[in-house]
Amino acid sequence: VGGSLLLPFCFSKTRYAVPAIALCAL
C-alpha cells in the first residue's frame, strides 16, 4: 500500500523522481 502511494512520484518530471524510483524498486 505504501509503495502504491509513492508510485506516482516516480513519474515526476523533476529530480524527485530519482529517490522515488529507487525506493519503489526496493
mmCIF file of all heavy atoms, coordinates in Angstrom:
data_MODEL
# 
_entry.id   MODEL 
# 
loop_
_atom_site.group_PDB 
_atom_site.id 
_atom_site.type_symbol 
_atom_site.label_atom_id 
_atom_site.label_alt_id 
_atom_site.label_comp_id 
_atom_site.label_asym_id 
_atom_site.label_entity_id 
_atom_site.label_seq_id 
_atom_site.pdbx_PDB_ins_code 
_atom_site.Cartn_x 
_atom_site.Cartn_y 
_atom_site.Cartn_z 
_atom_site.occupancy 
_atom_site.B_iso_or_equiv 
_atom_site.pdbx_formal_charge 
_atom_site.auth_seq_id 
_atom_site.auth_comp_id 
_atom_site.auth_asym_id 
_atom_site.auth_atom_id 
_atom_site.pdbx_PDB_model_num 
ATOM 1   N N   . VAL A 1 1  ? 0.835  -1.201 0.000   1.00 0.00 ? 1  VAL A N   1 
ATOM 2   C CA  . VAL A 1 1  ? 0.000  0.000  0.000   1.00 0.00 ? 1  VAL A CA  1 
ATOM 3   C C   . VAL A 1 1  ? 0.874  1.256  0.000   1.00 0.00 ? 1  VAL A C   1 
ATOM 4   O O   . VAL A 1 1  ? 0.620  2.209  -0.754  1.00 0.00 ? 1  VAL A O   1 
ATOM 5   C CB  . VAL A 1 1  ? -0.944 -0.002 1.219   1.00 0.00 ? 1  VAL A CB  1 
ATOM 6   C CG1 . VAL A 1 1  ? -1.687 1.323  1.323   1.00 0.00 ? 1  VAL A CG1 1 
ATOM 7   C CG2 . VAL A 1 1  ? -1.940 -1.153 1.114   1.00 0.00 ? 1  VAL A CG2 1 
ATOM 8   N N   . GLY A 1 2  ? 1.906  1.254  0.847   1.00 0.00 ? 2  GLY A N   1 
ATOM 9   C CA  . GLY A 1 2  ? 2.794  2.414  0.906   1.00 0.00 ? 2  GLY A CA  1 
ATOM 10  C C   . GLY A 1 2  ? 3.519  2.637  -0.410  1.00 0.00 ? 2  GLY A C   1 
ATOM 11  O O   . GLY A 1 2  ? 3.678  3.775  -0.865  1.00 0.00 ? 2  GLY A O   1 
ATOM 12  N N   . GLY A 1 3  ? 3.939  1.544  -1.043  1.00 0.00 ? 3  GLY A N   1 
ATOM 13  C CA  . GLY A 1 3  ? 4.608  1.664  -2.333  1.00 0.00 ? 3  GLY A CA  1 
ATOM 14  C C   . GLY A 1 3  ? 3.698  2.259  -3.392  1.00 0.00 ? 3  GLY A C   1 
ATOM 15  O O   . GLY A 1 3  ? 4.134  3.051  -4.228  1.00 0.00 ? 3  GLY A O   1 
ATOM 16  N N   . SER A 1 4  ? 2.413  1.897  -3.346  1.00 0.00 ? 4  SER A N   1 
ATOM 17  C CA  . SER A 1 4  ? 1.456  2.444  -4.310  1.00 0.00 ? 4  SER A CA  1 
ATOM 18  C C   . SER A 1 4  ? 1.268  3.949  -4.103  1.00 0.00 ? 4  SER A C   1 
ATOM 19  O O   . SER A 1 4  ? 1.002  4.689  -5.064  1.00 0.00 ? 4  SER A O   1 
ATOM 20  C CB  . SER A 1 4  ? 0.118  1.717  -4.202  1.00 0.00 ? 4  SER A CB  1 
ATOM 21  O OG  . SER A 1 4  ? -0.501 1.980  -2.948  1.00 0.00 ? 4  SER A OG  1 
ATOM 22  N N   . LEU A 1 5  ? 1.428  4.414  -2.860  1.00 0.00 ? 5  LEU A N   1 
ATOM 23  C CA  . LEU A 1 5  ? 1.326  5.844  -2.586  1.00 0.00 ? 5  LEU A CA  1 
ATOM 24  C C   . LEU A 1 5  ? 2.541  6.606  -3.117  1.00 0.00 ? 5  LEU A C   1 
ATOM 25  O O   . LEU A 1 5  ? 2.442  7.785  -3.476  1.00 0.00 ? 5  LEU A O   1 
ATOM 26  C CB  . LEU A 1 5  ? 1.195  6.087  -1.079  1.00 0.00 ? 5  LEU A CB  1 
ATOM 27  C CG  . LEU A 1 5  ? -0.095 5.587  -0.413  1.00 0.00 ? 5  LEU A CG  1 
ATOM 28  C CD1 . LEU A 1 5  ? -0.033 5.809  1.090   1.00 0.00 ? 5  LEU A CD1 1 
ATOM 29  C CD2 . LEU A 1 5  ? -1.309 6.293  -1.001  1.00 0.00 ? 5  LEU A CD2 1 
ATOM 30  N N   . LEU A 1 6  ? 3.688  5.931  -3.158  1.00 0.00 ? 6  LEU A N   1 
ATOM 31  C CA  . LEU A 1 6  ? 4.910  6.568  -3.652  1.00 0.00 ? 6  LEU A CA  1 
ATOM 32  C C   . LEU A 1 6  ? 5.045  6.465  -5.169  1.00 0.00 ? 6  LEU A C   1 
ATOM 33  O O   . LEU A 1 6  ? 5.788  7.243  -5.779  1.00 0.00 ? 6  LEU A O   1 
ATOM 34  C CB  . LEU A 1 6  ? 6.136  5.925  -2.995  1.00 0.00 ? 6  LEU A CB  1 
ATOM 35  C CG  . LEU A 1 6  ? 6.281  6.115  -1.485  1.00 0.00 ? 6  LEU A CG  1 
ATOM 36  C CD1 . LEU A 1 6  ? 7.450  5.288  -0.958  1.00 0.00 ? 6  LEU A CD1 1 
ATOM 37  C CD2 . LEU A 1 6  ? 6.495  7.593  -1.157  1.00 0.00 ? 6  LEU A CD2 1 
ATOM 38  N N   . LEU A 1 7  ? 4.338  5.520  -5.765  1.00 0.00 ? 7  LEU A N   1 
ATOM 39  C CA  . LEU A 1 7  ? 4.491  5.251  -7.195  1.00 0.00 ? 7  LEU A CA  1 
ATOM 40  C C   . LEU A 1 7  ? 4.249  6.474  -8.080  1.00 0.00 ? 7  LEU A C   1 
ATOM 41  O O   . LEU A 1 7  ? 5.002  6.683  -9.049  1.00 0.00 ? 7  LEU A O   1 
ATOM 42  C CB  . LEU A 1 7  ? 3.556  4.104  -7.597  1.00 0.00 ? 7  LEU A CB  1 
ATOM 43  C CG  . LEU A 1 7  ? 3.783  3.508  -9.002  1.00 0.00 ? 7  LEU A CG  1 
ATOM 44  C CD1 . LEU A 1 7  ? 5.190  2.952  -9.120  1.00 0.00 ? 7  LEU A CD1 1 
ATOM 45  C CD2 . LEU A 1 7  ? 2.747  2.415  -9.266  1.00 0.00 ? 7  LEU A CD2 1 
ATOM 46  N N   . PRO A 1 8  ? 3.244  7.308  -7.813  1.00 0.00 ? 8  PRO A N   1 
ATOM 47  C CA  . PRO A 1 8  ? 3.030  8.477  -8.684  1.00 0.00 ? 8  PRO A CA  1 
ATOM 48  C C   . PRO A 1 8  ? 4.235  9.403  -8.776  1.00 0.00 ? 8  PRO A C   1 
ATOM 49  O O   . PRO A 1 8  ? 4.452  10.044 -9.817  1.00 0.00 ? 8  PRO A O   1 
ATOM 50  C CB  . PRO A 1 8  ? 1.831  9.185  -8.040  1.00 0.00 ? 8  PRO A CB  1 
ATOM 51  C CG  . PRO A 1 8  ? 1.102  8.114  -7.300  1.00 0.00 ? 8  PRO A CG  1 
ATOM 52  C CD  . PRO A 1 8  ? 2.174  7.195  -6.798  1.00 0.00 ? 8  PRO A CD  1 
ATOM 53  N N   . PHE A 1 9  ? 5.040  9.475  -7.713  1.00 0.00 ? 9  PHE A N   1 
ATOM 54  C CA  . PHE A 1 9  ? 6.195  10.369 -7.716  1.00 0.00 ? 9  PHE A CA  1 
ATOM 55  C C   . PHE A 1 9  ? 7.308  9.861  -8.631  1.00 0.00 ? 9  PHE A C   1 
ATOM 56  O O   . PHE A 1 9  ? 8.217  10.609 -8.976  1.00 0.00 ? 9  PHE A O   1 
ATOM 57  C CB  . PHE A 1 9  ? 6.722  10.559 -6.293  1.00 0.00 ? 9  PHE A CB  1 
ATOM 58  C CG  . PHE A 1 9  ? 5.728  11.220 -5.377  1.00 0.00 ? 9  PHE A CG  1 
ATOM 59  C CD1 . PHE A 1 9  ? 4.981  10.474 -4.487  1.00 0.00 ? 9  PHE A CD1 1 
ATOM 60  C CD2 . PHE A 1 9  ? 5.525  12.591 -5.414  1.00 0.00 ? 9  PHE A CD2 1 
ATOM 61  C CE1 . PHE A 1 9  ? 4.045  11.076 -3.648  1.00 0.00 ? 9  PHE A CE1 1 
ATOM 62  C CE2 . PHE A 1 9  ? 4.601  13.211 -4.578  1.00 0.00 ? 9  PHE A CE2 1 
ATOM 63  C CZ  . PHE A 1 9  ? 3.860  12.447 -3.699  1.00 0.00 ? 9  PHE A CZ  1 
ATOM 64  N N   . CYS A 1 10 ? 7.233  8.581  -9.008  1.00 0.00 ? 10 CYS A N   1 
ATOM 65  C CA  . CYS A 1 10 ? 8.221  8.034  -9.940  1.00 0.00 ? 10 CYS A CA  1 
ATOM 66  C C   . CYS A 1 10 ? 8.098  8.671  -11.320 1.00 0.00 ? 10 CYS A C   1 
ATOM 67  O O   . CYS A 1 10 ? 9.051  8.640  -12.109 1.00 0.00 ? 10 CYS A O   1 
ATOM 68  C CB  . CYS A 1 10 ? 8.048  6.516  -10.069 1.00 0.00 ? 10 CYS A CB  1 
ATOM 69  S SG  . CYS A 1 10 ? 8.386  5.592  -8.565  1.00 0.00 ? 10 CYS A SG  1 
ATOM 70  N N   . PHE A 1 11 ? 6.936  9.225  -11.613 1.00 0.00 ? 11 PHE A N   1 
ATOM 71  C CA  . PHE A 1 11 ? 6.689  9.813  -12.929 1.00 0.00 ? 11 PHE A CA  1 
ATOM 72  C C   . PHE A 1 11 ? 6.820  11.336 -12.905 1.00 0.00 ? 11 PHE A C   1 
ATOM 73  O O   . PHE A 1 11 ? 6.446  12.003 -13.869 1.00 0.00 ? 11 PHE A O   1 
ATOM 74  C CB  . PHE A 1 11 ? 5.298  9.405  -13.419 1.00 0.00 ? 11 PHE A CB  1 
ATOM 75  C CG  . PHE A 1 11 ? 5.110  7.918  -13.481 1.00 0.00 ? 11 PHE A CG  1 
ATOM 76  C CD1 . PHE A 1 11 ? 4.480  7.231  -12.453 1.00 0.00 ? 11 PHE A CD1 1 
ATOM 77  C CD2 . PHE A 1 11 ? 5.607  7.186  -14.553 1.00 0.00 ? 11 PHE A CD2 1 
ATOM 78  C CE1 . PHE A 1 11 ? 4.309  5.858  -12.500 1.00 0.00 ? 11 PHE A CE1 1 
ATOM 79  C CE2 . PHE A 1 11 ? 5.442  5.818  -14.612 1.00 0.00 ? 11 PHE A CE2 1 
ATOM 80  C CZ  . PHE A 1 11 ? 4.798  5.144  -13.586 1.00 0.00 ? 11 PHE A CZ  1 
ATOM 81  N N   . SER A 1 12 ? 7.359  11.848 -11.807 1.00 0.00 ? 12 SER A N   1 
ATOM 82  C CA  . SER A 1 12 ? 7.585  13.284 -11.723 1.00 0.00 ? 12 SER A CA  1 
ATOM 83  C C   . SER A 1 12 ? 8.646  13.711 -12.740 1.00 0.00 ? 12 SER A C   1 
ATOM 84  O O   . SER A 1 12 ? 9.579  12.967 -13.039 1.00 0.00 ? 12 SER A O   1 
ATOM 85  C CB  . SER A 1 12 ? 8.043  13.651 -10.304 1.00 0.00 ? 12 SER A CB  1 
ATOM 86  O OG  . SER A 1 12 ? 8.491  14.991 -10.256 1.00 0.00 ? 12 SER A OG  1 
ATOM 87  N N   . LYS A 1 13 ? 8.493  14.900 -13.281 1.00 0.00 ? 13 LYS A N   1 
ATOM 88  C CA  . LYS A 1 13 ? 9.465  15.417 -14.252 1.00 0.00 ? 13 LYS A CA  1 
ATOM 89  C C   . LYS A 1 13 ? 10.586 16.194 -13.579 1.00 0.00 ? 13 LYS A C   1 
ATOM 90  O O   . LYS A 1 13 ? 11.380 16.850 -14.247 1.00 0.00 ? 13 LYS A O   1 
ATOM 91  C CB  . LYS A 1 13 ? 8.742  16.300 -15.275 1.00 0.00 ? 13 LYS A CB  1 
ATOM 92  C CG  . LYS A 1 13 ? 7.745  15.529 -16.135 1.00 0.00 ? 13 LYS A CG  1 
ATOM 93  C CD  . LYS A 1 13 ? 7.108  16.423 -17.180 1.00 0.00 ? 13 LYS A CD  1 
ATOM 94  C CE  . LYS A 1 13 ? 6.131  15.626 -18.046 1.00 0.00 ? 13 LYS A CE  1 
ATOM 95  N NZ  . LYS A 1 13 ? 5.491  16.472 -19.086 1.00 0.00 ? 13 LYS A NZ  1 
ATOM 96  N N   . THR A 1 14 ? 10.648 16.092 -12.255 1.00 0.00 ? 14 THR A N   1 
ATOM 97  C CA  . THR A 1 14 ? 11.717 16.742 -11.500 1.00 0.00 ? 14 THR A CA  1 
ATOM 98  C C   . THR A 1 14 ? 12.689 15.680 -10.976 1.00 0.00 ? 14 THR A C   1 
ATOM 99  O O   . THR A 1 14 ? 12.489 14.486 -11.157 1.00 0.00 ? 14 THR A O   1 
ATOM 100 C CB  . THR A 1 14 ? 11.139 17.525 -10.310 1.00 0.00 ? 14 THR A CB  1 
ATOM 101 O OG1 . THR A 1 14 ? 10.608 16.593 -9.347  1.00 0.00 ? 14 THR A OG1 1 
ATOM 102 C CG2 . THR A 1 14 ? 10.012 18.444 -10.774 1.00 0.00 ? 14 THR A CG2 1 
ATOM 103 N N   . ARG A 1 15 ? 13.747 16.145 -10.333 1.00 0.00 ? 15 ARG A N   1 
ATOM 104 C CA  . ARG A 1 15 ? 14.740 15.221 -9.776  1.00 0.00 ? 15 ARG A CA  1 
ATOM 105 C C   . ARG A 1 15 ? 14.164 14.371 -8.648  1.00 0.00 ? 15 ARG A C   1 
ATOM 106 O O   . ARG A 1 15 ? 14.773 13.373 -8.254  1.00 0.00 ? 15 ARG A O   1 
ATOM 107 C CB  . ARG A 1 15 ? 15.964 16.001 -9.279  1.00 0.00 ? 15 ARG A CB  1 
ATOM 108 C CG  . ARG A 1 15 ? 16.835 16.583 -10.380 1.00 0.00 ? 15 ARG A CG  1 
ATOM 109 C CD  . ARG A 1 15 ? 18.172 17.041 -9.824  1.00 0.00 ? 15 ARG A CD  1 
ATOM 110 N NE  . ARG A 1 15 ? 18.027 18.119 -8.877  1.00 0.00 ? 15 ARG A NE  1 
ATOM 111 C CZ  . ARG A 1 15 ? 18.231 19.412 -9.163  1.00 0.00 ? 15 ARG A CZ  1 
ATOM 112 N NH1 . ARG A 1 15 ? 18.551 19.764 -10.388 1.00 0.00 ? 15 ARG A NH1 1 
ATOM 113 N NH2 . ARG A 1 15 ? 18.100 20.338 -8.230  1.00 0.00 ? 15 ARG A NH2 1 
ATOM 114 N N   . TYR A 1 16 ? 13.002 14.744 -8.118  1.00 0.00 ? 16 TYR A N   1 
ATOM 115 C CA  . TYR A 1 16 ? 12.395 13.962 -7.047  1.00 0.00 ? 16 TYR A CA  1 
ATOM 116 C C   . TYR A 1 16 ? 11.926 12.591 -7.514  1.00 0.00 ? 16 TYR A C   1 
ATOM 117 O O   . TYR A 1 16 ? 11.572 11.737 -6.698  1.00 0.00 ? 16 TYR A O   1 
ATOM 118 C CB  . TYR A 1 16 ? 11.233 14.729 -6.417  1.00 0.00 ? 16 TYR A CB  1 
ATOM 119 C CG  . TYR A 1 16 ? 11.674 15.728 -5.392  1.00 0.00 ? 16 TYR A CG  1 
ATOM 120 C CD1 . TYR A 1 16 ? 11.874 17.060 -5.740  1.00 0.00 ? 16 TYR A CD1 1 
ATOM 121 C CD2 . TYR A 1 16 ? 11.937 15.341 -4.085  1.00 0.00 ? 16 TYR A CD2 1 
ATOM 122 C CE1 . TYR A 1 16 ? 12.308 17.992 -4.803  1.00 0.00 ? 16 TYR A CE1 1 
ATOM 123 C CE2 . TYR A 1 16 ? 12.366 16.257 -3.137  1.00 0.00 ? 16 TYR A CE2 1 
ATOM 124 C CZ  . TYR A 1 16 ? 12.555 17.574 -3.502  1.00 0.00 ? 16 TYR A CZ  1 
ATOM 125 O OH  . TYR A 1 16 ? 12.995 18.487 -2.567  1.00 0.00 ? 16 TYR A OH  1 
ATOM 126 N N   . ALA A 1 17 ? 11.927 12.370 -8.812  1.00 0.00 ? 17 ALA A N   1 
ATOM 127 C CA  . ALA A 1 17 ? 11.584 11.045 -9.326  1.00 0.00 ? 17 ALA A CA  1 
ATOM 128 C C   . ALA A 1 17 ? 12.682 10.031 -8.989  1.00 0.00 ? 17 ALA A C   1 
ATOM 129 O O   . ALA A 1 17 ? 12.408 8.837  -8.849  1.00 0.00 ? 17 ALA A O   1 
ATOM 130 C CB  . ALA A 1 17 ? 11.384 11.098 -10.842 1.00 0.00 ? 17 ALA A CB  1 
ATOM 131 N N   . VAL A 1 18 ? 13.925 10.498 -8.851  1.00 0.00 ? 18 VAL A N   1 
ATOM 132 C CA  . VAL A 1 18 ? 15.061 9.594  -8.634  1.00 0.00 ? 18 VAL A CA  1 
ATOM 133 C C   . VAL A 1 18 ? 14.928 8.815  -7.321  1.00 0.00 ? 18 VAL A C   1 
ATOM 134 O O   . VAL A 1 18 ? 14.973 7.575  -7.328  1.00 0.00 ? 18 VAL A O   1 
ATOM 135 C CB  . VAL A 1 18 ? 16.392 10.373 -8.689  1.00 0.00 ? 18 VAL A CB  1 
ATOM 136 C CG1 . VAL A 1 18 ? 17.561 9.469  -8.313  1.00 0.00 ? 18 VAL A CG1 1 
ATOM 137 C CG2 . VAL A 1 18 ? 16.592 10.951 -10.085 1.00 0.00 ? 18 VAL A CG2 1 
ATOM 138 N N   . PRO A 1 19 ? 14.771 9.481  -6.162  1.00 0.00 ? 19 PRO A N   1 
ATOM 139 C CA  . PRO A 1 19 ? 14.601 8.691  -4.923  1.00 0.00 ? 19 PRO A CA  1 
ATOM 140 C C   . PRO A 1 19 ? 13.327 7.863  -4.923  1.00 0.00 ? 19 PRO A C   1 
ATOM 141 O O   . PRO A 1 19 ? 13.307 6.761  -4.361  1.00 0.00 ? 19 PRO A O   1 
ATOM 142 C CB  . PRO A 1 19 ? 14.583 9.755  -3.814  1.00 0.00 ? 19 PRO A CB  1 
ATOM 143 C CG  . PRO A 1 19 ? 14.324 11.041 -4.493  1.00 0.00 ? 19 PRO A CG  1 
ATOM 144 C CD  . PRO A 1 19 ? 14.860 10.918 -5.867  1.00 0.00 ? 19 PRO A CD  1 
ATOM 145 N N   . ALA A 1 20 ? 12.268 8.348  -5.567  1.00 0.00 ? 20 ALA A N   1 
ATOM 146 C CA  . ALA A 1 20 ? 11.009 7.592  -5.600  1.00 0.00 ? 20 ALA A CA  1 
ATOM 147 C C   . ALA A 1 20 ? 11.177 6.293  -6.375  1.00 0.00 ? 20 ALA A C   1 
ATOM 148 O O   . ALA A 1 20 ? 10.710 5.234  -5.950  1.00 0.00 ? 20 ALA A O   1 
ATOM 149 C CB  . ALA A 1 20 ? 9.905  8.440  -6.221  1.00 0.00 ? 20 ALA A CB  1 
ATOM 150 N N   . ILE A 1 21 ? 11.862 6.352  -7.513  1.00 0.00 ? 21 ILE A N   1 
ATOM 151 C CA  . ILE A 1 21 ? 12.085 5.152  -8.326  1.00 0.00 ? 21 ILE A CA  1 
ATOM 152 C C   . ILE A 1 21 ? 12.929 4.130  -7.570  1.00 0.00 ? 21 ILE A C   1 
ATOM 153 O O   . ILE A 1 21 ? 12.611 2.939  -7.526  1.00 0.00 ? 21 ILE A O   1 
ATOM 154 C CB  . ILE A 1 21 ? 12.764 5.532  -9.662  1.00 0.00 ? 21 ILE A CB  1 
ATOM 155 C CG1 . ILE A 1 21 ? 11.789 6.312  -10.549 1.00 0.00 ? 21 ILE A CG1 1 
ATOM 156 C CG2 . ILE A 1 21 ? 13.265 4.283  -10.390 1.00 0.00 ? 21 ILE A CG2 1 
ATOM 157 C CD1 . ILE A 1 21 ? 12.426 6.906  -11.783 1.00 0.00 ? 21 ILE A CD1 1 
ATOM 158 N N   . ALA A 1 22 ? 14.017 4.603  -6.957  1.00 0.00 ? 22 ALA A N   1 
ATOM 159 C CA  . ALA A 1 22 ? 14.889 3.693  -6.210  1.00 0.00 ? 22 ALA A CA  1 
ATOM 160 C C   . ALA A 1 22 ? 14.142 3.069  -5.034  1.00 0.00 ? 22 ALA A C   1 
ATOM 161 O O   . ALA A 1 22 ? 14.281 1.871  -4.756  1.00 0.00 ? 22 ALA A O   1 
ATOM 162 C CB  . ALA A 1 22 ? 16.130 4.443  -5.730  1.00 0.00 ? 22 ALA A CB  1 
ATOM 163 N N   . LEU A 1 23 ? 13.333 3.865  -4.347  1.00 0.00 ? 23 LEU A N   1 
ATOM 164 C CA  . LEU A 1 23 ? 12.604 3.371  -3.171  1.00 0.00 ? 23 LEU A CA  1 
ATOM 165 C C   . LEU A 1 23 ? 11.536 2.363  -3.572  1.00 0.00 ? 23 LEU A C   1 
ATOM 166 O O   . LEU A 1 23 ? 11.374 1.321  -2.913  1.00 0.00 ? 23 LEU A O   1 
ATOM 167 C CB  . LEU A 1 23 ? 11.987 4.545  -2.421  1.00 0.00 ? 23 LEU A CB  1 
ATOM 168 C CG  . LEU A 1 23 ? 11.351 4.250  -1.066  1.00 0.00 ? 23 LEU A CG  1 
ATOM 169 C CD1 . LEU A 1 23 ? 12.309 3.480  -0.165  1.00 0.00 ? 23 LEU A CD1 1 
ATOM 170 C CD2 . LEU A 1 23 ? 10.931 5.551  -0.391  1.00 0.00 ? 23 LEU A CD2 1 
ATOM 171 N N   . CYS A 1 24 ? 10.806 2.638  -4.645  1.00 0.00 ? 24 CYS A N   1 
ATOM 172 C CA  . CYS A 1 24 ? 9.780  1.687  -5.102  1.00 0.00 ? 24 CYS A CA  1 
ATOM 173 C C   . CYS A 1 24 ? 10.422 0.381  -5.554  1.00 0.00 ? 24 CYS A C   1 
ATOM 174 O O   . CYS A 1 24 ? 9.852  -0.700 -5.353  1.00 0.00 ? 24 CYS A O   1 
ATOM 175 C CB  . CYS A 1 24 ? 8.962  2.304  -6.232  1.00 0.00 ? 24 CYS A CB  1 
ATOM 176 S SG  . CYS A 1 24 ? 7.767  3.552  -5.673  1.00 0.00 ? 24 CYS A SG  1 
ATOM 177 N N   . ALA A 1 25 ? 11.604 0.463  -6.157  1.00 0.00 ? 25 ALA A N   1 
ATOM 178 C CA  . ALA A 1 25 ? 12.323 -0.751 -6.555  1.00 0.00 ? 25 ALA A CA  1 
ATOM 179 C C   . ALA A 1 25 ? 12.716 -1.567 -5.329  1.00 0.00 ? 25 ALA A C   1 
ATOM 180 O O   . ALA A 1 25 ? 12.622 -2.806 -5.330  1.00 0.00 ? 25 ALA A O   1 
ATOM 181 C CB  . ALA A 1 25 ? 13.567 -0.379 -7.364  1.00 0.00 ? 25 ALA A CB  1 
ATOM 182 N N   . LEU A 1 26 ? 13.146 -0.889 -4.262  1.00 0.00 ? 26 LEU A N   1 
ATOM 183 C CA  . LEU A 1 26 ? 13.479 -1.573 -3.015  1.00 0.00 ? 26 LEU A CA  1 
ATOM 184 C C   . LEU A 1 26 ? 12.264 -2.301 -2.450  1.00 0.00 ? 26 LEU A C   1 
ATOM 185 O O   . LEU A 1 26 ? 12.350 -3.479 -2.069  1.00 0.00 ? 26 LEU A O   1 
ATOM 186 C CB  . LEU A 1 26 ? 13.990 -0.550 -1.999  1.00 0.00 ? 26 LEU A CB  1 
ATOM 187 C CG  . LEU A 1 26 ? 14.030 -1.003 -0.528  1.00 0.00 ? 26 LEU A CG  1 
ATOM 188 C CD1 . LEU A 1 26 ? 15.071 -2.081 -0.332  1.00 0.00 ? 26 LEU A CD1 1 
ATOM 189 C CD2 . LEU A 1 26 ? 14.278 0.167  0.399   1.00 0.00 ? 26 LEU A CD2 1 
# 
